[in-house]
């Protein structure tokens, strides 16, 4: 009875505010009412000035568990799974046995997604050369990456549990092959908060095709939704309905938000629903982005030299533009930027596919590392480049299915590279057998990688937990060991 009286009281207050209902034409922009010019905002207000029942800004910067090497992350997600055998893992022995069946002992217990076990071995058609003082061995498909050979750490011994794209992408991003778990970016923003008042803590940019696991790759799972990635649109306004409708002034917006905030505060006091705080945060952030986003997205303000270095065409959606945007976002305090490029699923014509995607990504990736370094940002920014698993040393060719000279999914061995943020530069870690089928030295499981990434951000992967359905969950589930060989 008392609960119903409180609800009736709140509804009565709402009905007396008739001006609130004069115009129902609010989109996200008109209901998200805050002002960059007014710093006495909800998120920044002291507790005494906040509506009763609403906690302080949950995205405010938080102290890590220990001193971090890195403060932020740019994750260049090469979805579809680049062929490590054609990019990083040179196997001269494959040339010797090219076309011959794979040895049966290697295939024991191995699940293959599409090809049959008797598929012939397939040597890479790319030449490899060593680069830099480190002698990093890279494929000729990379034209620009050799310039930063001494700035990157190449890991050739990664292992994952999943063999198909969506589960493997989920596993890489959430530590689980099933939907519903928080993504890496969500865990990071939950653990560390954000240093930007005007932009989301976690931003997602995409080029090429959509990822197989979709928004779950940057979702918040069972964490409050304010920790999920905010996916920017590829062209035009980064978020729909960010502009005000006609006739909506800044002053009117502020009054509406103040009222909405007051009502939501009372409702949260009654229900205790943390999603109300997420909603208020979203409203506030959306309006602040009305001023910050247009400036952010205007790449024409960059120097001609910078645009040329990245290979950027202002106004065009591309991986290059997204790499430059990623740098601009972290400069403005964004904690985690995920750049998704799904284009590496080369079941057929792997040579042509690798050439095409290296042309699309190589220059901008290299430019991003160079740009961060010259601006003094690489030291405390983690850059991640890689896919969800690797590719088989056997050929995939099926005239009936249209596949020719491609490679199938392979979860027993794949490669990624990293830069900045405490990773050991100019180093190559891990080895596979002479055919590139299994890891033989320094295996790094995906959970080990996740534990190591969190460690560099000052977070203990066993202590960064969230209680859900009666138990404490974490990114690495009950697994994961720190991969010390990857660290400075």
Protein backbone atom coordinates (compact mmCIF):
# COMPACT_ATOMS: atom_id res chain seq x y z
CA UNK A 1 0.00 0.00 0.00
CA UNK A 2 2.78 2.41 0.97
CA UNK A 3 4.65 1.54 -2.26
CA UNK A 4 1.57 2.37 -4.36
CA UNK A 5 1.09 5.67 -2.52
CA UNK A 6 4.65 6.68 -3.40
CA UNK A 7 4.06 5.84 -7.06
CA UNK A 8 0.76 7.80 -7.07
CA UNK A 9 2.54 10.75 -5.48
CA UNK A 10 5.22 10.74 -8.18
CA UNK A 11 2.65 10.44 -10.96
CA UNK A 12 0.71 13.33 -9.47
CA UNK A 13 3.81 15.50 -9.48
CA UNK A 14 4.44 14.60 -13.09
CA UNK A 15 0.92 15.53 -14.18
CA UNK A 16 1.27 19.00 -12.68
CA UNK A 17 4.25 19.66 -14.96
CA UNK A 18 2.13 20.18 -18.04
CA UNK A 19 4.86 21.94 -19.95
CA UNK A 20 6.80 18.65 -19.91
CA UNK A 21 4.20 17.15 -22.21
CA UNK A 22 3.69 20.08 -24.58
CA UNK A 23 5.84 18.52 -27.21
CA UNK A 24 6.42 14.76 -27.54
CA UNK A 25 8.89 15.26 -30.37
CA UNK A 26 11.99 14.39 -28.43
CA UNK A 27 14.53 12.09 -30.01
CA UNK A 28 17.69 11.15 -28.18
CA UNK A 29 19.13 14.60 -28.70
CA UNK A 30 16.18 16.55 -27.31
CA UNK A 31 15.64 14.34 -24.29
CA UNK A 32 19.35 14.17 -23.50
CA UNK A 33 19.56 17.52 -21.88
CA UNK A 34 22.87 18.70 -20.56
CA UNK A 35 25.28 21.45 -21.48
CA UNK A 36 29.00 21.60 -22.02
CA UNK A 37 28.78 25.25 -20.99
CA UNK A 38 27.16 24.31 -17.68
CA UNK A 39 29.56 22.18 -15.64
CA UNK A 40 27.01 21.78 -12.81
CA UNK A 41 25.76 18.64 -14.52
CA UNK A 42 24.38 15.48 -12.97
CA UNK A 43 27.52 13.49 -13.65
CA UNK A 44 29.77 16.07 -12.06
CA UNK A 45 27.44 17.30 -9.28
CA UNK A 46 28.38 16.64 -5.67
CA UNK A 47 26.19 14.07 -3.89
CA UNK A 48 24.33 16.78 -1.94
CA UNK A 49 23.06 18.28 -5.21
CA UNK A 50 22.05 15.01 -6.89
CA UNK A 51 18.50 13.65 -6.85
CA UNK A 52 17.94 11.40 -3.86
CA UNK A 53 18.57 7.76 -4.71
CA UNK A 54 21.04 8.46 -7.55
CA UNK A 55 24.67 7.53 -7.02
CA UNK A 56 27.69 9.43 -8.29
CA UNK A 57 28.69 9.04 -11.93
CA UNK A 58 29.52 5.33 -12.32
CA UNK A 59 31.81 6.15 -15.25
CA UNK A 60 34.02 8.48 -13.23
CA UNK A 61 37.71 7.42 -13.31
CA UNK A 62 38.51 4.65 -10.83
CA UNK A 63 41.78 3.54 -9.30
CA UNK A 64 43.20 0.29 -10.71
CA UNK A 65 44.30 -2.57 -8.47
CA UNK A 66 47.96 -1.58 -8.93
CA UNK A 67 50.08 0.84 -10.95
CA UNK A 68 49.25 0.29 -14.64
CA UNK A 69 51.54 0.33 -17.64
CA UNK A 70 48.63 1.37 -19.91
CA UNK A 71 45.66 3.69 -19.53
CA UNK A 72 43.68 2.96 -22.67
CA UNK A 73 43.16 0.45 -25.48
CA UNK A 74 42.74 0.55 -29.26
CA UNK A 75 41.62 -2.88 -30.43
CA UNK A 76 41.96 -3.33 -34.20
CA UNK A 77 39.71 -6.38 -34.52
CA UNK A 78 40.52 -8.15 -37.79
CA UNK A 79 37.39 -10.27 -37.84
CA UNK A 80 37.12 -13.25 -40.14
CA UNK A 81 40.54 -14.58 -39.09
CA UNK A 82 43.63 -13.46 -41.06
CA UNK A 83 45.86 -16.26 -42.28
CA UNK A 84 48.90 -16.32 -40.00
CA UNK A 85 50.67 -18.57 -42.50
CA UNK A 86 50.49 -15.87 -45.16
CA UNK A 87 51.35 -12.96 -42.85
CA UNK A 88 53.53 -13.87 -39.84
CA UNK A 89 54.38 -17.57 -39.63
CA UNK A 90 56.86 -18.46 -42.37
CA UNK A 91 57.00 -22.23 -43.01
CA UNK A 92 59.61 -23.29 -45.61
CA UNK A 93 58.79 -26.94 -44.91
CA UNK A 94 55.33 -26.40 -46.35
CA UNK A 95 56.97 -25.62 -49.68
CA UNK A 96 58.74 -28.98 -49.60
CA UNK A 97 55.50 -30.89 -48.92
CA UNK A 98 53.14 -28.62 -50.84
CA UNK A 99 50.14 -30.58 -52.15
CA UNK A 100 50.83 -33.70 -50.09
CA UNK A 101 48.33 -34.96 -47.46
CA UNK A 102 48.72 -33.67 -43.93
CA UNK A 103 50.36 -36.28 -41.64
CA UNK A 104 47.57 -38.25 -39.86
CA UNK A 105 49.18 -37.82 -36.45
CA UNK A 106 48.66 -34.04 -36.64
CA UNK A 107 44.97 -34.48 -37.35
CA UNK A 108 44.27 -36.76 -34.40
CA UNK A 109 41.44 -35.26 -32.35
CA UNK A 110 41.28 -32.19 -34.58
CA UNK A 111 37.93 -30.78 -35.67
CA UNK A 112 37.89 -29.06 -39.05
CA UNK A 113 35.11 -26.65 -39.96
CA UNK A 114 34.75 -27.32 -43.69
CA UNK A 115 37.61 -29.27 -45.25
CA UNK A 116 38.29 -32.99 -45.04
CA UNK A 117 41.33 -34.40 -43.19
CA UNK A 118 42.90 -35.59 -46.44
CA UNK A 119 43.11 -32.05 -47.85
CA UNK A 120 46.58 -31.34 -49.22
CA UNK A 121 49.12 -29.08 -47.57
CA UNK A 122 49.27 -25.57 -48.99
CA UNK A 123 52.46 -23.48 -48.83
CA UNK A 124 52.12 -19.73 -48.70
CA UNK A 125 52.63 -18.01 -52.03
CA UNK A 126 54.01 -14.92 -50.31
CA UNK A 127 57.70 -14.24 -49.77
CA UNK A 128 58.92 -13.43 -46.27
CA UNK A 129 61.76 -11.17 -45.13
CA UNK A 130 63.26 -10.01 -41.84
CA UNK A 131 62.90 -6.38 -40.84
CA UNK A 132 64.31 -3.90 -38.35
CA UNK A 133 66.93 -4.52 -35.72
CA UNK A 134 64.62 -7.11 -34.21
CA UNK A 135 64.60 -9.20 -37.38
CA UNK A 136 60.82 -9.57 -37.32
CA UNK A 137 59.83 -11.91 -40.15
CA UNK A 138 56.90 -10.52 -42.12
CA UNK A 139 55.12 -11.36 -45.34
CA UNK A 140 55.56 -9.19 -48.41
CA UNK A 141 51.78 -8.58 -48.18
CA UNK A 142 52.69 -5.99 -45.54
CA UNK A 143 54.17 -3.01 -47.34
CA UNK A 144 54.08 -0.54 -44.44
CA UNK A 145 54.20 -2.63 -41.26
CA UNK A 146 57.98 -3.28 -41.58
CA UNK A 147 58.46 0.41 -40.72
CA UNK A 148 57.36 -0.34 -37.15
CA UNK A 149 58.87 -3.83 -36.86
CA UNK A 150 60.85 -2.72 -33.81
CA UNK A 151 57.77 -1.25 -32.13
CA UNK A 152 55.54 -4.33 -32.20
CA UNK A 153 55.35 -7.64 -30.37
CA UNK A 154 54.35 -10.56 -32.61
CA UNK A 155 52.82 -13.58 -30.88
CA UNK A 156 52.70 -16.65 -33.13
CA UNK A 157 51.48 -19.13 -30.54
CA UNK A 158 47.92 -18.14 -29.68
CA UNK A 159 45.35 -20.87 -29.05
CA UNK A 160 41.57 -20.63 -28.74
CA UNK A 161 38.72 -23.00 -27.87
CA UNK A 162 36.31 -22.16 -30.69
CA UNK A 163 36.40 -23.21 -34.35
CA UNK A 164 33.64 -21.07 -35.88
CA UNK A 165 33.49 -17.31 -36.22
CA UNK A 166 30.71 -16.19 -33.88
CA UNK A 167 31.76 -18.39 -30.93
CA UNK A 168 35.43 -17.54 -31.48
CA UNK A 169 34.73 -13.81 -31.63
CA UNK A 170 32.69 -14.10 -28.45
CA UNK A 171 35.48 -16.06 -26.81
CA UNK A 172 38.10 -13.47 -27.78
CA UNK A 173 35.93 -10.59 -26.59
CA UNK A 174 34.04 -12.04 -23.63
CA UNK A 175 35.97 -15.13 -22.52
CA UNK A 176 33.01 -17.35 -23.29
CA UNK A 177 31.60 -19.03 -26.41
CA UNK A 178 28.01 -18.24 -25.39
CA UNK A 179 26.11 -14.98 -25.55
CA UNK A 180 25.38 -12.91 -22.46
CA UNK A 181 28.84 -12.20 -21.02
CA UNK A 182 30.40 -8.72 -20.81
CA UNK A 183 32.95 -7.82 -23.46
CA UNK A 184 36.57 -6.94 -22.78
CA UNK A 185 35.84 -3.25 -23.36
CA UNK A 186 32.90 -3.37 -20.94
CA UNK A 187 35.06 -5.01 -18.25
CA UNK A 188 37.74 -2.34 -18.74
CA UNK A 189 35.28 0.56 -18.45
CA UNK A 190 33.63 -1.12 -15.45
CA UNK A 191 37.02 -1.45 -13.78
CA UNK A 192 38.56 1.90 -14.70
CA UNK A 193 35.78 4.30 -15.69
CA UNK A 194 36.44 7.06 -18.21
CA UNK A 195 38.48 10.25 -18.35
CA UNK A 196 36.18 11.95 -20.87
CA UNK A 197 33.14 13.97 -19.81
CA UNK A 198 31.95 14.55 -23.35
CA UNK A 199 32.31 11.17 -25.06
CA UNK A 200 31.45 7.57 -24.19
CA UNK A 201 33.98 5.47 -22.31
CA UNK A 202 33.85 2.70 -24.92
CA UNK A 203 33.41 3.47 -28.63
CA UNK A 204 33.03 1.03 -31.52
CA UNK A 205 33.91 1.88 -35.14
CA UNK A 206 33.38 -0.52 -38.03
CA UNK A 207 34.36 -0.97 -41.66
CA UNK A 208 33.85 -3.76 -44.23
CA UNK A 209 31.17 -6.29 -43.21
CA UNK A 210 29.42 -6.70 -39.87
CA UNK A 211 31.00 -9.07 -37.35
CA UNK A 212 29.64 -12.62 -37.02
CA UNK A 213 28.85 -12.26 -33.31
CA UNK A 214 27.43 -8.76 -33.83
CA UNK A 215 26.97 -6.31 -30.94
CA UNK A 216 27.75 -9.04 -28.40
CA UNK A 217 31.41 -8.34 -29.26
CA UNK A 218 31.09 -5.01 -27.47
CA UNK A 219 28.07 -5.65 -25.25
CA UNK A 220 27.84 -5.28 -21.47
CA UNK A 221 26.23 -8.67 -20.85
CA UNK A 222 25.06 -8.76 -17.24
CA UNK A 223 26.95 -5.57 -16.35
CA UNK A 224 24.85 -2.36 -16.33
CA UNK A 225 24.29 -1.19 -19.89
CA UNK A 226 26.26 2.04 -19.44
CA UNK A 227 29.43 -0.08 -19.79
CA UNK A 228 28.60 -1.38 -23.27
CA UNK A 229 30.32 -0.06 -26.38
CA UNK A 230 28.65 2.79 -28.23
CA UNK A 231 28.69 1.95 -31.93
CA UNK A 232 29.19 5.04 -34.08
CA UNK A 233 27.48 5.12 -37.46
CA UNK A 234 29.65 4.84 -40.53
CA UNK A 235 28.58 8.11 -42.17
CA UNK A 236 26.81 11.30 -41.11
CA UNK A 237 26.07 11.91 -37.44
CA UNK A 238 27.87 9.33 -35.28
CA UNK A 239 24.60 8.64 -33.42
CA UNK A 240 21.06 9.09 -34.74
CA UNK A 241 18.85 11.89 -33.40
CA UNK A 242 21.79 13.73 -31.90
CA UNK A 243 20.60 17.08 -33.28
CA UNK A 244 17.80 19.08 -31.66
CA UNK A 245 14.36 19.29 -33.28
CA UNK A 246 13.28 22.71 -34.52
CA UNK A 247 12.27 25.12 -31.80
CA UNK A 248 14.04 23.31 -28.98
CA UNK A 249 16.40 25.78 -27.34
CA UNK A 250 19.26 24.96 -25.05
CA UNK A 251 17.43 26.50 -22.11
CA UNK A 252 14.33 24.39 -22.73
CA UNK A 253 16.46 21.28 -23.03
CA UNK A 254 18.09 22.02 -19.68
CA UNK A 255 14.74 22.47 -17.95
CA UNK A 256 13.41 19.24 -19.39
CA UNK A 257 16.42 17.27 -18.32
CA UNK A 258 16.31 18.71 -14.82
CA UNK A 259 12.72 17.57 -14.49
CA UNK A 260 13.39 14.18 -16.06
CA UNK A 261 16.38 13.71 -13.77
CA UNK A 262 14.30 14.56 -10.71
CA UNK A 263 11.58 12.09 -11.69
CA UNK A 264 14.07 9.36 -12.48
CA UNK A 265 15.81 9.98 -9.17
CA UNK A 266 12.61 9.47 -7.23
CA UNK A 267 11.78 6.39 -9.29
CA UNK A 268 15.21 4.91 -8.58
CA UNK A 269 14.69 5.57 -4.87
CA UNK A 270 11.50 3.50 -5.05
CA UNK A 271 12.68 0.66 -7.28
CA UNK A 272 16.46 0.57 -6.74
CA UNK A 273 16.90 -0.20 -10.45
CA UNK A 274 20.53 0.60 -11.49
CA UNK A 275 19.44 0.86 -15.13
CA UNK A 276 17.80 4.19 -14.24
CA UNK A 277 21.26 5.59 -13.47
CA UNK A 278 22.44 4.19 -16.82
CA UNK A 279 19.57 5.93 -18.57
CA UNK A 280 20.28 9.28 -16.93
CA UNK A 281 23.94 8.95 -17.81
CA UNK A 282 23.01 8.24 -21.42
CA UNK A 283 20.75 11.29 -21.60
CA UNK A 284 23.46 13.53 -20.22
CA UNK A 285 26.16 12.09 -22.45
CA UNK A 286 24.03 12.36 -25.59
CA UNK A 287 23.61 16.07 -25.20
CA UNK A 288 27.24 16.73 -24.40
CA UNK A 289 28.05 14.83 -27.60
CA UNK A 290 25.98 17.34 -29.54
CA UNK A 291 28.91 19.68 -29.16
CA UNK A 292 31.83 17.27 -28.93
CA UNK A 293 30.94 14.80 -31.71
CA UNK A 294 30.90 17.16 -34.73
CA UNK A 295 34.38 18.43 -33.89
CA UNK A 296 35.60 14.88 -33.28
CA UNK A 297 34.32 13.57 -36.60
CA UNK A 298 35.74 16.44 -38.66
CA UNK A 299 38.94 14.85 -39.94
CA UNK A 300 39.56 17.77 -42.30
CA UNK A 301 41.04 19.60 -39.32
CA UNK A 302 43.97 17.19 -39.32
CA UNK A 303 47.07 18.26 -41.24
CA UNK A 304 47.44 17.15 -44.88
CA UNK A 305 50.53 15.21 -43.81
CA UNK A 306 48.55 13.24 -41.22
CA UNK A 307 45.73 12.46 -43.65
CA UNK A 308 48.25 11.26 -46.19
CA UNK A 309 50.10 9.15 -43.63
CA UNK A 310 46.91 7.27 -42.70
CA UNK A 311 45.52 7.20 -46.24
CA UNK A 312 42.39 9.02 -45.12
CA UNK A 313 39.67 10.48 -47.30
CA UNK A 314 37.54 12.81 -45.12
CA UNK A 315 33.85 11.89 -45.15
CA UNK A 316 34.47 8.33 -46.35
CA UNK A 317 33.91 5.26 -44.22
CA UNK A 318 37.10 3.23 -44.17
CA UNK A 319 39.45 1.41 -41.85
CA UNK A 320 41.92 4.27 -42.35
CA UNK A 321 39.42 6.89 -41.23
CA UNK A 322 38.53 4.76 -38.20
CA UNK A 323 42.18 4.42 -37.17
CA UNK A 324 42.57 8.18 -37.20
CA UNK A 325 39.29 8.58 -35.32
CA UNK A 326 40.57 6.08 -32.76
CA UNK A 327 43.59 8.27 -32.09
CA UNK A 328 41.35 11.35 -31.78
CA UNK A 329 39.04 9.51 -29.38
CA UNK A 330 41.76 8.39 -26.97
CA UNK A 331 43.25 11.89 -27.05
CA UNK A 332 39.90 13.08 -25.72
CA UNK A 333 39.86 10.64 -22.83
CA UNK A 334 37.97 7.65 -24.27
CA UNK A 335 39.12 4.52 -22.47
CA UNK A 336 38.51 1.81 -25.07
CA UNK A 337 38.13 2.02 -28.86
CA UNK A 338 37.25 -1.11 -30.82
CA UNK A 339 37.80 -0.86 -34.58
CA UNK A 340 36.05 -3.81 -36.26
CA UNK A 341 37.09 -4.84 -39.77
CA UNK A 342 35.39 -8.08 -40.83
CA UNK A 343 36.90 -9.04 -44.17
CA UNK A 344 39.45 -11.82 -43.56
CA UNK A 345 37.37 -14.99 -44.03
CA UNK A 346 39.32 -16.40 -46.97
CA UNK A 347 37.98 -19.90 -47.61
CA UNK A 348 38.75 -19.22 -51.25
CA UNK A 349 41.49 -17.26 -53.02
CA UNK A 350 43.45 -16.55 -49.87
CA UNK A 351 46.26 -14.81 -51.78
CA UNK A 352 43.95 -12.29 -53.42
CA UNK A 353 42.05 -11.82 -50.16
CA UNK A 354 45.13 -11.18 -48.06
CA UNK A 355 46.49 -8.72 -50.64
CA UNK A 356 43.20 -6.81 -50.67
CA UNK A 357 42.86 -6.56 -46.90
CA UNK A 358 46.48 -5.64 -46.36
CA UNK A 359 45.93 -2.83 -48.85
CA UNK A 360 42.90 -1.73 -46.80
CA UNK A 361 44.52 -1.96 -43.36
CA UNK A 362 48.33 -2.02 -43.50
CA UNK A 363 49.02 1.67 -44.07
CA UNK A 364 46.57 2.95 -41.47
CA UNK A 365 47.65 0.43 -38.84
CA UNK A 366 51.28 1.43 -39.29
CA UNK A 367 50.39 5.12 -39.30
CA UNK A 368 48.43 4.74 -36.06
CA UNK A 369 51.42 3.20 -34.27
CA UNK A 370 53.77 5.88 -35.67
CA UNK A 371 51.33 8.67 -34.83
CA UNK A 372 50.78 7.49 -31.26
CA UNK A 373 54.53 7.16 -30.77
CA UNK A 374 55.38 10.63 -32.03
CA UNK A 375 52.64 12.15 -29.83
CA UNK A 376 53.91 10.34 -26.74
CA UNK A 377 50.74 8.25 -26.47
CA UNK A 378 52.03 4.80 -27.44
CA UNK A 379 53.80 4.27 -24.12
CA UNK A 380 50.50 4.06 -22.21
CA UNK A 381 48.16 2.95 -25.00
CA UNK A 382 47.70 -0.71 -25.89
CA UNK A 383 47.24 -1.41 -29.60
CA UNK A 384 45.91 -4.88 -30.47
CA UNK A 385 45.79 -6.30 -34.03
CA UNK A 386 44.35 -9.71 -34.80
CA UNK A 387 41.44 -12.03 -35.49
CA UNK A 388 39.52 -14.70 -33.64
CA UNK A 389 41.55 -17.75 -34.75
CA UNK A 390 43.94 -18.82 -37.49
CA UNK A 391 43.93 -20.73 -40.79
CA UNK A 392 44.85 -24.27 -41.72
CA UNK A 393 48.10 -25.26 -43.43
CA UNK A 394 45.86 -27.39 -45.67
CA UNK A 395 44.14 -26.02 -48.72
CA UNK A 396 40.41 -25.51 -49.06
CA UNK A 397 39.36 -26.17 -52.65
CA UNK A 398 35.87 -27.37 -53.52
CA UNK A 399 34.79 -26.86 -57.13
CA UNK A 400 31.21 -27.75 -56.20
CA UNK A 401 31.15 -25.15 -53.43
CA UNK A 402 33.07 -22.54 -55.40
CA UNK A 403 36.08 -22.55 -53.11
CA UNK A 404 39.54 -22.52 -54.64
CA UNK A 405 42.97 -22.15 -53.02
CA UNK A 406 41.68 -20.96 -49.66
CA UNK A 407 42.24 -21.92 -46.04
CA UNK A 408 39.83 -23.31 -43.43
CA UNK A 409 39.37 -22.26 -39.78
CA UNK A 410 42.12 -23.29 -37.37
CA UNK A 411 42.01 -22.82 -33.60
CA UNK A 412 45.21 -24.67 -32.63
CA UNK A 413 47.59 -21.90 -33.67
CA UNK A 414 47.27 -18.30 -34.79
CA UNK A 415 49.11 -14.99 -34.60
CA UNK A 416 48.42 -11.45 -33.41
CA UNK A 417 50.59 -8.42 -32.79
CA UNK A 418 50.60 -5.76 -30.11
CA UNK A 419 52.20 -2.39 -29.54
CA UNK A 420 52.64 0.00 -26.63
CA UNK A 421 51.28 -0.16 -23.12
CA UNK A 422 53.96 -2.40 -21.60
CA UNK A 423 54.21 -5.03 -24.33
CA UNK A 424 57.78 -6.00 -25.24
CA UNK A 425 58.58 -4.21 -28.53
CA UNK A 426 60.74 -5.65 -31.28
CA UNK A 427 60.05 -9.20 -30.13
CA UNK A 428 58.52 -12.36 -31.57
CA UNK A 429 57.11 -14.88 -29.10
CA UNK A 430 56.08 -18.50 -29.72
CA UNK A 431 56.64 -21.12 -32.37
CA UNK A 432 54.51 -23.64 -34.22
CA UNK A 433 55.64 -26.96 -35.66
CA UNK A 434 57.31 -27.04 -39.08
CA UNK A 435 53.92 -27.26 -40.83
CA UNK A 436 52.30 -24.52 -38.74
CA UNK A 437 49.66 -26.84 -37.30
CA UNK A 438 50.30 -26.92 -33.53
CA UNK A 439 52.02 -24.61 -31.07
CA UNK A 440 55.26 -26.09 -29.78
CA UNK A 441 56.77 -23.17 -27.83
CA UNK A 442 55.21 -20.60 -25.47
CA UNK A 443 51.50 -21.25 -26.03
CA UNK A 444 49.24 -18.31 -25.14
CA UNK A 445 45.62 -19.25 -24.60
CA UNK A 446 43.00 -16.53 -25.17
CA UNK A 447 42.30 -16.44 -21.43
CA UNK A 448 46.03 -15.88 -20.82
CA UNK A 449 45.97 -12.99 -23.28
CA UNK A 450 42.94 -11.46 -21.55
CA UNK A 451 44.60 -11.80 -18.14
CA UNK A 452 47.74 -10.13 -19.50
CA UNK A 453 45.85 -7.26 -21.12
CA UNK A 454 44.00 -6.53 -17.88
CA UNK A 455 47.30 -6.73 -15.96
CA UNK A 456 48.82 -4.03 -18.15
CA UNK A 457 45.82 -1.83 -17.32
CA UNK A 458 46.47 -2.32 -13.62
CA UNK A 459 43.67 -4.85 -13.12
CA UNK A 460 44.01 -8.29 -11.55
CA UNK A 461 41.85 -10.57 -13.68
CA UNK A 462 40.97 -12.71 -10.63
CA UNK A 463 39.72 -9.68 -8.69
CA UNK A 464 37.83 -7.82 -11.43
CA UNK A 465 34.54 -9.58 -10.79
CA UNK A 466 30.80 -8.95 -10.88
CA UNK A 467 28.24 -10.95 -8.92
CA UNK A 468 25.50 -12.35 -11.14
CA UNK A 469 23.06 -15.17 -10.51
CA UNK A 470 24.69 -16.03 -7.23
CA UNK A 471 28.36 -16.16 -8.20
CA UNK A 472 31.24 -13.88 -9.09
CA UNK A 473 32.02 -13.77 -12.81
CA UNK A 474 35.16 -12.47 -14.49
CA UNK A 475 36.48 -12.03 -18.03
CA UNK A 476 38.75 -15.07 -17.82
CA UNK A 477 36.11 -17.28 -16.13
CA UNK A 478 38.15 -19.61 -13.87
CA UNK A 479 41.14 -19.68 -16.20
CA UNK A 480 43.98 -17.47 -17.36
CA UNK A 481 47.61 -17.02 -16.45
CA UNK A 482 49.76 -13.94 -16.86
CA UNK A 483 51.95 -14.30 -19.98
CA UNK A 484 55.08 -12.64 -18.57
CA UNK A 485 57.15 -13.25 -21.71
CA UNK A 486 55.00 -10.71 -23.54
CA UNK A 487 55.84 -7.92 -21.11
CA UNK A 488 58.68 -5.44 -20.82
